[in-house]
């Protein structure tokens, strides 16, 4: 059973890698991004999309940890 799971995982990773490579190859047209007065040079669309994906994958779990940490702190009640 472990061998079947390992093969399934390897196949899933290969399929995802092929989809990413196909996406990058299909989106090679150059664009310039401008945001809040900052502008980038000409780069392929796929660069911006992949960078946005990576930033989102890093920020999502970080924000979740921060929210859960804030919720788990006990609130001290001062009575007087």
N, C-alpha and C. Protein backbone atom coordinates (compact mmCIF):
# COMPACT_ATOMS: atom_id res chain seq x y z
N UNK A 1 0.82 -1.20 0.00
CA UNK A 1 0.00 0.00 0.00
C UNK A 1 0.86 1.26 0.00
N UNK A 2 2.01 1.21 0.69
CA UNK A 2 2.89 2.38 0.71
C UNK A 2 3.43 2.68 -0.68
N UNK A 3 3.72 1.63 -1.44
CA UNK A 3 4.22 1.82 -2.78
C UNK A 3 3.21 2.50 -3.69
N UNK A 4 1.93 2.15 -3.53
CA UNK A 4 0.87 2.75 -4.33
C UNK A 4 0.74 4.24 -3.98
N UNK A 5 0.80 4.56 -2.69
CA UNK A 5 0.71 5.96 -2.26
C UNK A 5 1.90 6.75 -2.79
N UNK A 6 3.07 6.16 -2.73
CA UNK A 6 4.26 6.85 -3.21
C UNK A 6 4.17 7.12 -4.71
N UNK A 7 3.70 6.15 -5.47
CA UNK A 7 3.53 6.33 -6.92
C UNK A 7 2.48 7.40 -7.19
N UNK A 8 1.40 7.41 -6.43
CA UNK A 8 0.35 8.42 -6.61
C UNK A 8 0.88 9.81 -6.32
N UNK A 9 1.68 9.94 -5.28
CA UNK A 9 2.25 11.25 -4.94
C UNK A 9 3.22 11.70 -6.03
N UNK A 10 4.06 10.80 -6.50
CA UNK A 10 5.01 11.15 -7.57
C UNK A 10 4.27 11.57 -8.83
N UNK A 11 3.23 10.85 -9.20
CA UNK A 11 2.43 11.21 -10.36
C UNK A 11 1.75 12.57 -10.19
N UNK A 12 1.22 12.83 -9.00
CA UNK A 12 0.57 14.12 -8.74
C UNK A 12 1.58 15.26 -8.85
N UNK A 13 2.77 15.08 -8.30
CA UNK A 13 3.81 16.11 -8.38
C UNK A 13 4.23 16.33 -9.83
N UNK A 14 4.38 15.26 -10.59
CA UNK A 14 4.74 15.40 -12.00
C UNK A 14 3.66 16.13 -12.80
N UNK A 15 2.41 15.83 -12.53
CA UNK A 15 1.32 16.50 -13.23
C UNK A 15 1.31 17.99 -12.89
N UNK A 16 1.47 18.33 -11.62
CA UNK A 16 1.51 19.74 -11.23
C UNK A 16 2.70 20.44 -11.88
N UNK A 17 3.86 19.79 -11.91
CA UNK A 17 5.05 20.38 -12.53
C UNK A 17 4.81 20.60 -14.02
N UNK A 18 4.18 19.65 -14.70
CA UNK A 18 3.89 19.82 -16.12
C UNK A 18 2.90 20.95 -16.37
N UNK A 19 1.91 21.09 -15.50
CA UNK A 19 0.95 22.18 -15.65
C UNK A 19 1.64 23.53 -15.46
N UNK A 20 2.54 23.63 -14.48
CA UNK A 20 3.27 24.87 -14.26
C UNK A 20 4.16 25.20 -15.45
N UNK A 21 4.86 24.20 -15.97
CA UNK A 21 5.72 24.43 -17.14
C UNK A 21 4.88 24.86 -18.34
N UNK A 22 3.74 24.22 -18.56
CA UNK A 22 2.86 24.61 -19.67
C UNK A 22 2.36 26.04 -19.47
N UNK A 23 2.00 26.41 -18.24
CA UNK A 23 1.54 27.76 -17.95
C UNK A 23 2.63 28.78 -18.26
N UNK A 24 3.84 28.50 -17.83
CA UNK A 24 4.96 29.43 -18.07
C UNK A 24 5.23 29.56 -19.56
N UNK A 25 5.21 28.46 -20.28
CA UNK A 25 5.49 28.51 -21.71
C UNK A 25 4.39 29.23 -22.50
N UNK A 26 3.16 29.15 -22.03
CA UNK A 26 2.04 29.79 -22.73
C UNK A 26 1.91 31.28 -22.40
N UNK A 27 2.56 31.75 -21.35
CA UNK A 27 2.40 33.14 -20.91
C UNK A 27 3.74 33.87 -20.93
N UNK A 28 4.32 33.97 -22.10
CA UNK A 28 5.62 34.60 -22.24
C UNK A 28 5.54 36.06 -22.71
N UNK A 29 4.34 36.58 -22.96
CA UNK A 29 4.25 37.95 -23.41
C UNK A 29 4.69 38.89 -22.29
N UNK A 30 5.47 39.90 -22.64
CA UNK A 30 6.02 40.80 -21.65
C UNK A 30 5.04 41.88 -21.24
N UNK A 31 5.01 42.17 -19.96
CA UNK A 31 4.17 43.23 -19.42
C UNK A 31 4.96 43.98 -18.35
N UNK A 32 4.50 45.19 -18.07
CA UNK A 32 5.09 45.99 -17.00
C UNK A 32 4.00 46.20 -15.95
N UNK A 33 4.34 46.03 -14.71
CA UNK A 33 3.38 46.16 -13.62
C UNK A 33 3.61 47.47 -12.90
N UNK A 34 2.55 48.21 -12.63
CA UNK A 34 2.63 49.48 -11.90
C UNK A 34 1.67 49.41 -10.73
N UNK A 35 2.18 49.67 -9.52
CA UNK A 35 1.35 49.58 -8.32
C UNK A 35 1.84 50.61 -7.32
N UNK A 36 0.96 51.49 -6.89
CA UNK A 36 1.27 52.54 -5.91
C UNK A 36 2.49 53.37 -6.32
N UNK A 37 2.56 53.70 -7.58
CA UNK A 37 3.65 54.53 -8.07
C UNK A 37 4.94 53.80 -8.37
N UNK A 38 5.00 52.53 -8.05
CA UNK A 38 6.19 51.74 -8.35
C UNK A 38 5.93 50.95 -9.63
N UNK A 39 6.93 50.90 -10.48
CA UNK A 39 6.77 50.18 -11.75
C UNK A 39 7.90 49.18 -11.91
N UNK A 40 7.60 48.07 -12.56
CA UNK A 40 8.61 47.06 -12.84
C UNK A 40 9.01 47.16 -14.31
N UNK A 41 10.06 46.50 -14.65
CA UNK A 41 10.45 46.40 -16.05
C UNK A 41 9.59 45.38 -16.76
N UNK A 42 9.85 45.18 -18.03
CA UNK A 42 9.11 44.20 -18.82
C UNK A 42 9.52 42.79 -18.39
N UNK A 43 8.54 42.01 -17.97
CA UNK A 43 8.75 40.61 -17.61
C UNK A 43 7.56 39.80 -18.11
N UNK A 44 7.74 38.51 -18.29
CA UNK A 44 6.61 37.68 -18.72
C UNK A 44 5.49 37.67 -17.67
N UNK A 45 4.26 37.52 -18.14
CA UNK A 45 3.10 37.46 -17.25
C UNK A 45 3.26 36.34 -16.23
N UNK A 46 3.80 35.23 -16.65
CA UNK A 46 3.93 34.07 -15.76
C UNK A 46 4.79 34.38 -14.55
N UNK A 47 5.77 35.26 -14.68
CA UNK A 47 6.62 35.62 -13.53
C UNK A 47 5.78 36.28 -12.46
N UNK A 48 4.93 37.24 -12.86
CA UNK A 48 4.09 37.93 -11.88
C UNK A 48 3.09 36.99 -11.22
N UNK A 49 2.52 36.10 -12.01
CA UNK A 49 1.52 35.19 -11.45
C UNK A 49 2.17 34.20 -10.48
N UNK A 50 3.32 33.66 -10.85
CA UNK A 50 4.00 32.69 -9.97
C UNK A 50 4.48 33.38 -8.70
N UNK A 51 5.00 34.60 -8.81
CA UNK A 51 5.44 35.34 -7.61
C UNK A 51 4.24 35.63 -6.71
N UNK A 52 3.11 36.03 -7.29
CA UNK A 52 1.90 36.27 -6.49
C UNK A 52 1.44 34.99 -5.79
N UNK A 53 1.53 33.87 -6.48
CA UNK A 53 1.16 32.59 -5.88
C UNK A 53 2.06 32.26 -4.69
N UNK A 54 3.35 32.43 -4.86
CA UNK A 54 4.30 32.11 -3.78
C UNK A 54 4.09 33.04 -2.59
N UNK A 55 3.90 34.33 -2.85
CA UNK A 55 3.66 35.28 -1.75
C UNK A 55 2.38 34.91 -1.01
N UNK A 56 1.33 34.57 -1.73
CA UNK A 56 0.09 34.16 -1.09
C UNK A 56 0.23 32.89 -0.28
N UNK A 57 1.03 31.94 -0.79
CA UNK A 57 1.23 30.69 -0.06
C UNK A 57 2.04 30.92 1.22
N UNK A 58 2.86 31.96 1.24
CA UNK A 58 3.63 32.27 2.45
C UNK A 58 2.82 33.12 3.42
N UNK A 59 2.07 34.09 2.92
CA UNK A 59 1.32 34.99 3.79
C UNK A 59 0.10 34.33 4.43
N UNK A 60 -0.57 33.44 3.71
CA UNK A 60 -1.76 32.79 4.25
C UNK A 60 -1.50 32.07 5.56
N UNK A 61 -0.57 31.13 5.59
CA UNK A 61 -0.29 30.44 6.86
C UNK A 61 0.26 31.37 7.94
N UNK A 62 1.04 32.38 7.55
CA UNK A 62 1.57 33.33 8.53
C UNK A 62 0.44 34.11 9.19
N UNK A 63 -0.49 34.59 8.41
CA UNK A 63 -1.64 35.30 8.98
C UNK A 63 -2.49 34.39 9.85
N UNK A 64 -2.63 33.15 9.45
CA UNK A 64 -3.41 32.20 10.26
C UNK A 64 -2.76 32.00 11.62
N UNK A 65 -1.44 31.85 11.64
CA UNK A 65 -0.73 31.68 12.91
C UNK A 65 -0.92 32.90 13.78
N UNK A 66 -0.82 34.09 13.19
CA UNK A 66 -0.98 35.32 13.97
C UNK A 66 -2.39 35.44 14.54
N UNK A 67 -3.40 35.11 13.75
CA UNK A 67 -4.78 35.19 14.23
C UNK A 67 -5.03 34.18 15.32
N UNK A 68 -4.58 32.94 15.14
CA UNK A 68 -4.78 31.92 16.17
C UNK A 68 -4.03 32.25 17.44
N UNK A 69 -2.85 32.83 17.33
CA UNK A 69 -2.08 33.22 18.52
C UNK A 69 -2.81 34.33 19.28
N UNK A 70 -3.38 35.27 18.55
CA UNK A 70 -4.10 36.37 19.20
C UNK A 70 -5.36 35.86 19.89
N UNK A 71 -6.04 34.90 19.29
CA UNK A 71 -7.27 34.35 19.88
C UNK A 71 -6.97 33.50 21.12
N UNK A 72 -5.82 32.85 21.15
CA UNK A 72 -5.55 31.93 22.25
C UNK A 72 -5.01 32.63 23.50
N UNK A 73 -4.63 33.91 23.39
CA UNK A 73 -4.14 34.62 24.57
C UNK A 73 -5.30 34.86 25.52
N UNK A 74 -5.11 34.53 26.80
CA UNK A 74 -6.18 34.79 27.76
C UNK A 74 -6.33 36.29 27.99
N UNK A 75 -7.57 36.69 28.11
CA UNK A 75 -7.86 38.11 28.35
C UNK A 75 -7.92 38.33 29.85
N UNK A 76 -7.11 39.25 30.34
CA UNK A 76 -7.12 39.51 31.78
C UNK A 76 -8.18 40.56 32.06
N UNK A 77 -8.99 40.28 33.06
CA UNK A 77 -10.06 41.16 33.43
C UNK A 77 -9.68 41.82 34.74
N UNK A 78 -9.67 43.13 34.74
CA UNK A 78 -9.33 43.90 35.95
C UNK A 78 -10.63 44.37 36.57
N UNK A 79 -10.83 43.94 37.80
CA UNK A 79 -12.04 44.37 38.51
C UNK A 79 -11.64 45.33 39.62
N UNK A 80 -12.38 46.34 39.73
CA UNK A 80 -11.99 47.29 40.77
C UNK A 80 -13.10 48.11 41.29
